[in-house]
N, C-alpha and C. Protein backbone atom coordinates (compact mmCIF):
# COMPACT_ATOMS: atom_id res chain seq x y z
N MET A 1 -26.34 205.25 271.81
CA MET A 1 -26.59 204.32 272.89
C MET A 1 -27.32 203.11 272.32
N ILE A 2 -26.93 201.94 272.72
CA ILE A 2 -27.54 200.70 272.25
C ILE A 2 -28.48 200.17 273.32
N ALA A 3 -29.70 199.84 272.90
CA ALA A 3 -30.68 199.29 273.84
C ALA A 3 -30.32 197.86 274.19
N SER A 4 -30.62 197.47 275.40
CA SER A 4 -30.36 196.11 275.85
C SER A 4 -31.25 195.13 275.09
N PRO A 5 -30.73 193.97 274.70
CA PRO A 5 -31.59 193.00 274.00
C PRO A 5 -32.64 192.38 274.92
N LEU A 6 -32.50 192.57 276.23
CA LEU A 6 -33.46 192.01 277.18
C LEU A 6 -34.67 192.91 277.38
N VAL A 7 -34.59 194.16 276.93
CA VAL A 7 -35.71 195.09 277.09
C VAL A 7 -36.57 195.03 275.85
N PRO A 8 -37.83 194.58 275.99
CA PRO A 8 -38.69 194.51 274.81
C PRO A 8 -39.06 195.91 274.31
N VAL A 9 -38.98 196.09 273.03
CA VAL A 9 -39.33 197.36 272.41
C VAL A 9 -40.59 197.13 271.58
N PRO A 10 -41.67 197.85 271.89
CA PRO A 10 -42.90 197.64 271.11
C PRO A 10 -42.73 198.12 269.67
N ILE A 11 -43.35 197.40 268.76
CA ILE A 11 -43.31 197.83 267.37
C ILE A 11 -44.69 198.36 267.00
N PRO A 12 -44.75 199.37 266.15
CA PRO A 12 -46.05 199.92 265.75
C PRO A 12 -46.90 198.87 265.03
N ASP A 13 -48.21 199.04 265.11
CA ASP A 13 -49.13 198.10 264.48
C ASP A 13 -48.90 198.00 262.97
N GLY A 14 -48.61 199.10 262.34
CA GLY A 14 -48.36 199.09 260.89
C GLY A 14 -47.17 198.22 260.52
N VAL A 15 -46.13 198.27 261.34
CA VAL A 15 -44.94 197.45 261.09
C VAL A 15 -45.27 195.98 261.31
N ALA A 16 -46.04 195.69 262.36
CA ALA A 16 -46.44 194.30 262.63
C ALA A 16 -47.27 193.74 261.47
N VAL A 17 -48.15 194.55 260.92
CA VAL A 17 -48.97 194.12 259.78
C VAL A 17 -48.08 193.85 258.57
N LEU A 18 -47.11 194.71 258.34
CA LEU A 18 -46.18 194.51 257.22
C LEU A 18 -45.40 193.21 257.37
N ILE A 19 -44.91 192.96 258.58
CA ILE A 19 -44.16 191.72 258.83
C ILE A 19 -45.07 190.52 258.64
N GLY A 20 -46.28 190.62 259.19
CA GLY A 20 -47.24 189.52 259.07
C GLY A 20 -47.66 189.23 257.65
N SER A 21 -47.70 190.25 256.80
CA SER A 21 -48.12 190.04 255.42
C SER A 21 -47.08 189.26 254.62
N CYS A 22 -45.87 189.18 255.12
CA CYS A 22 -44.80 188.45 254.44
C CYS A 22 -44.70 187.00 254.89
N MET A 23 -45.49 186.62 255.89
CA MET A 23 -45.42 185.26 256.45
C MET A 23 -46.67 184.48 256.06
N PRO A 24 -46.52 183.16 255.91
CA PRO A 24 -47.70 182.32 255.63
C PRO A 24 -48.70 182.35 256.79
N ILE A 25 -49.96 182.18 256.47
CA ILE A 25 -51.03 182.24 257.48
C ILE A 25 -50.83 181.18 258.57
N HIS A 26 -50.43 179.97 258.19
CA HIS A 26 -50.29 178.91 259.21
C HIS A 26 -49.17 179.24 260.20
N VAL A 27 -48.16 179.98 259.78
CA VAL A 27 -47.08 180.37 260.69
C VAL A 27 -47.57 181.46 261.63
N LEU A 28 -48.35 182.41 261.12
CA LEU A 28 -48.92 183.44 261.99
C LEU A 28 -49.85 182.83 263.03
N GLN A 29 -50.66 181.86 262.61
CA GLN A 29 -51.57 181.20 263.55
C GLN A 29 -50.77 180.43 264.59
N ALA A 30 -49.69 179.78 264.19
CA ALA A 30 -48.85 179.04 265.14
C ALA A 30 -48.22 180.00 266.15
N GLU A 31 -47.84 181.19 265.71
CA GLU A 31 -47.26 182.17 266.63
C GLU A 31 -48.28 182.61 267.68
N VAL A 32 -49.51 182.85 267.25
CA VAL A 32 -50.57 183.23 268.18
C VAL A 32 -50.85 182.09 269.15
N ASP A 33 -50.94 180.86 268.63
CA ASP A 33 -51.19 179.69 269.48
C ASP A 33 -50.08 179.51 270.51
N ALA A 34 -48.83 179.69 270.08
CA ALA A 34 -47.70 179.52 270.99
C ALA A 34 -47.72 180.56 272.10
N GLU A 35 -47.99 181.81 271.76
CA GLU A 35 -48.03 182.85 272.77
C GLU A 35 -49.16 182.62 273.77
N CYS A 36 -50.32 182.18 273.29
CA CYS A 36 -51.44 181.87 274.19
C CYS A 36 -51.10 180.69 275.10
N ALA A 37 -50.45 179.67 274.54
CA ALA A 37 -50.07 178.50 275.32
C ALA A 37 -49.04 178.86 276.39
N VAL A 38 -48.09 179.74 276.07
CA VAL A 38 -47.10 180.16 277.07
C VAL A 38 -47.78 180.89 278.22
N ARG A 39 -48.72 181.77 277.88
CA ARG A 39 -49.46 182.47 278.95
C ARG A 39 -50.21 181.47 279.83
N GLU A 40 -50.80 180.47 279.20
CA GLU A 40 -51.54 179.45 279.95
C GLU A 40 -50.60 178.64 280.84
N VAL A 41 -49.46 178.25 280.32
CA VAL A 41 -48.50 177.46 281.11
C VAL A 41 -47.99 178.27 282.29
N ASN A 42 -47.68 179.53 282.07
CA ASN A 42 -47.15 180.38 283.14
C ASN A 42 -48.19 180.76 284.18
N ARG A 43 -49.45 180.53 283.88
CA ARG A 43 -50.54 180.85 284.81
C ARG A 43 -50.56 179.90 286.01
N PHE A 44 -50.11 178.69 285.83
CA PHE A 44 -50.19 177.69 286.88
C PHE A 44 -49.05 177.83 287.88
N ARG A 45 -49.37 177.64 289.15
CA ARG A 45 -48.38 177.67 290.22
C ARG A 45 -48.40 176.34 290.95
N MET A 46 -47.27 175.94 291.47
CA MET A 46 -47.17 174.68 292.19
C MET A 46 -47.76 174.83 293.58
N PRO A 47 -48.27 173.83 294.21
CA PRO A 47 -48.54 172.48 293.72
C PRO A 47 -49.80 172.45 292.86
N LEU A 48 -49.82 171.55 291.90
CA LEU A 48 -50.94 171.45 290.96
C LEU A 48 -51.87 170.30 291.35
N CYS A 49 -53.18 170.57 291.26
CA CYS A 49 -54.14 169.49 291.43
C CYS A 49 -54.21 168.71 290.11
N THR A 50 -54.97 167.66 290.08
CA THR A 50 -55.04 166.80 288.90
C THR A 50 -55.57 167.55 287.68
N GLU A 51 -56.62 168.35 287.86
CA GLU A 51 -57.17 169.09 286.73
C GLU A 51 -56.19 170.13 286.20
N ASP A 52 -55.52 170.84 287.12
CA ASP A 52 -54.53 171.84 286.69
C ASP A 52 -53.36 171.19 285.97
N ARG A 53 -52.94 170.03 286.43
CA ARG A 53 -51.84 169.32 285.78
C ARG A 53 -52.23 168.93 284.36
N ALA A 54 -53.47 168.46 284.19
CA ALA A 54 -53.95 168.09 282.85
C ALA A 54 -54.04 169.32 281.94
N ASP A 55 -54.53 170.44 282.48
CA ASP A 55 -54.62 171.67 281.69
C ASP A 55 -53.25 172.18 281.30
N ARG A 56 -52.29 172.09 282.23
CA ARG A 56 -50.92 172.53 281.93
C ARG A 56 -50.29 171.66 280.86
N GLU A 57 -50.50 170.35 280.96
CA GLU A 57 -49.97 169.43 279.95
C GLU A 57 -50.58 169.69 278.58
N HIS A 58 -51.86 170.02 278.55
CA HIS A 58 -52.52 170.35 277.28
C HIS A 58 -51.92 171.62 276.67
N ALA A 59 -51.67 172.62 277.52
CA ALA A 59 -51.06 173.86 277.04
C ALA A 59 -49.63 173.60 276.53
N LEU A 60 -48.88 172.74 277.22
CA LEU A 60 -47.54 172.39 276.77
C LEU A 60 -47.59 171.65 275.44
N SER A 61 -48.60 170.81 275.26
CA SER A 61 -48.76 170.09 274.00
C SER A 61 -49.07 171.06 272.85
N THR A 62 -49.95 172.02 273.12
CA THR A 62 -50.27 173.05 272.12
C THR A 62 -49.02 173.86 271.77
N LEU A 63 -48.24 174.19 272.78
CA LEU A 63 -47.00 174.94 272.56
C LEU A 63 -46.03 174.13 271.71
N ALA A 64 -45.91 172.85 271.98
CA ALA A 64 -44.99 172.00 271.20
C ALA A 64 -45.43 171.92 269.74
N GLN A 65 -46.73 171.78 269.51
CA GLN A 65 -47.23 171.73 268.13
C GLN A 65 -46.97 173.04 267.39
N ALA A 66 -47.21 174.15 268.07
CA ALA A 66 -46.98 175.46 267.44
C ALA A 66 -45.49 175.67 267.19
N ASN A 67 -44.65 175.27 268.15
CA ASN A 67 -43.21 175.43 267.99
C ASN A 67 -42.66 174.58 266.85
N LYS A 68 -43.29 173.45 266.58
CA LYS A 68 -42.86 172.61 265.47
C LYS A 68 -43.05 173.35 264.14
N ILE A 69 -44.17 174.03 264.01
CA ILE A 69 -44.44 174.82 262.79
C ILE A 69 -43.50 176.02 262.72
N LEU A 70 -43.36 176.73 263.86
CA LEU A 70 -42.49 177.90 263.88
C LEU A 70 -41.04 177.53 263.61
N GLY A 71 -40.58 176.43 264.18
CA GLY A 71 -39.21 175.99 263.98
C GLY A 71 -38.92 175.57 262.56
N ALA A 72 -39.92 175.00 261.90
CA ALA A 72 -39.74 174.61 260.50
C ALA A 72 -39.62 175.85 259.61
N TYR A 73 -40.34 176.92 259.98
CA TYR A 73 -40.29 178.14 259.18
C TYR A 73 -39.01 178.93 259.48
N ASN A 74 -38.73 179.11 260.78
CA ASN A 74 -37.53 179.83 261.21
C ASN A 74 -37.24 179.43 262.66
N PRO A 75 -36.14 178.74 262.91
CA PRO A 75 -35.84 178.26 264.28
C PRO A 75 -35.77 179.37 265.34
N ARG A 76 -35.53 180.60 264.93
CA ARG A 76 -35.46 181.69 265.91
C ARG A 76 -36.84 182.14 266.38
N LEU A 77 -37.91 181.62 265.79
CA LEU A 77 -39.27 181.99 266.20
C LEU A 77 -39.81 181.13 267.34
N ILE A 78 -39.08 180.08 267.69
CA ILE A 78 -39.55 179.16 268.75
C ILE A 78 -39.71 179.93 270.06
N ILE A 79 -40.82 179.67 270.74
CA ILE A 79 -41.14 180.34 272.00
C ILE A 79 -41.02 179.34 273.13
N LYS A 80 -40.31 179.73 274.20
CA LYS A 80 -40.12 178.84 275.36
C LYS A 80 -41.07 179.24 276.48
N PRO A 81 -41.51 178.27 277.30
CA PRO A 81 -42.49 178.56 278.34
C PRO A 81 -42.00 179.52 279.43
N GLY A 82 -40.71 179.57 279.70
CA GLY A 82 -40.22 180.43 280.76
C GLY A 82 -39.99 181.86 280.37
N ARG A 83 -40.16 182.17 279.08
CA ARG A 83 -39.88 183.52 278.60
C ARG A 83 -40.91 184.50 279.11
N GLY A 84 -40.46 185.62 279.65
CA GLY A 84 -41.37 186.65 280.13
C GLY A 84 -41.79 187.57 279.01
N PHE A 85 -42.95 188.18 279.18
CA PHE A 85 -43.47 189.11 278.17
C PHE A 85 -43.45 190.51 278.70
């Protein structure tokens, strides 16, 4: 039986460490930054007040910067704001 690609499968911590040890530190940091920014962007609900709009734009900017690094390393690592976790 083949698992659906839409169902996330957790990977053991040891495997994650092994994968991470093969990647440059700045790429790992960009991945963490991107995931945090996506959570921040998805936290906001419409309608937005002025402060929330500014915070959301800042999170989108952080996500864009992280995605630039991730995309340069491997385009399949790019994280989109609408993606569920």
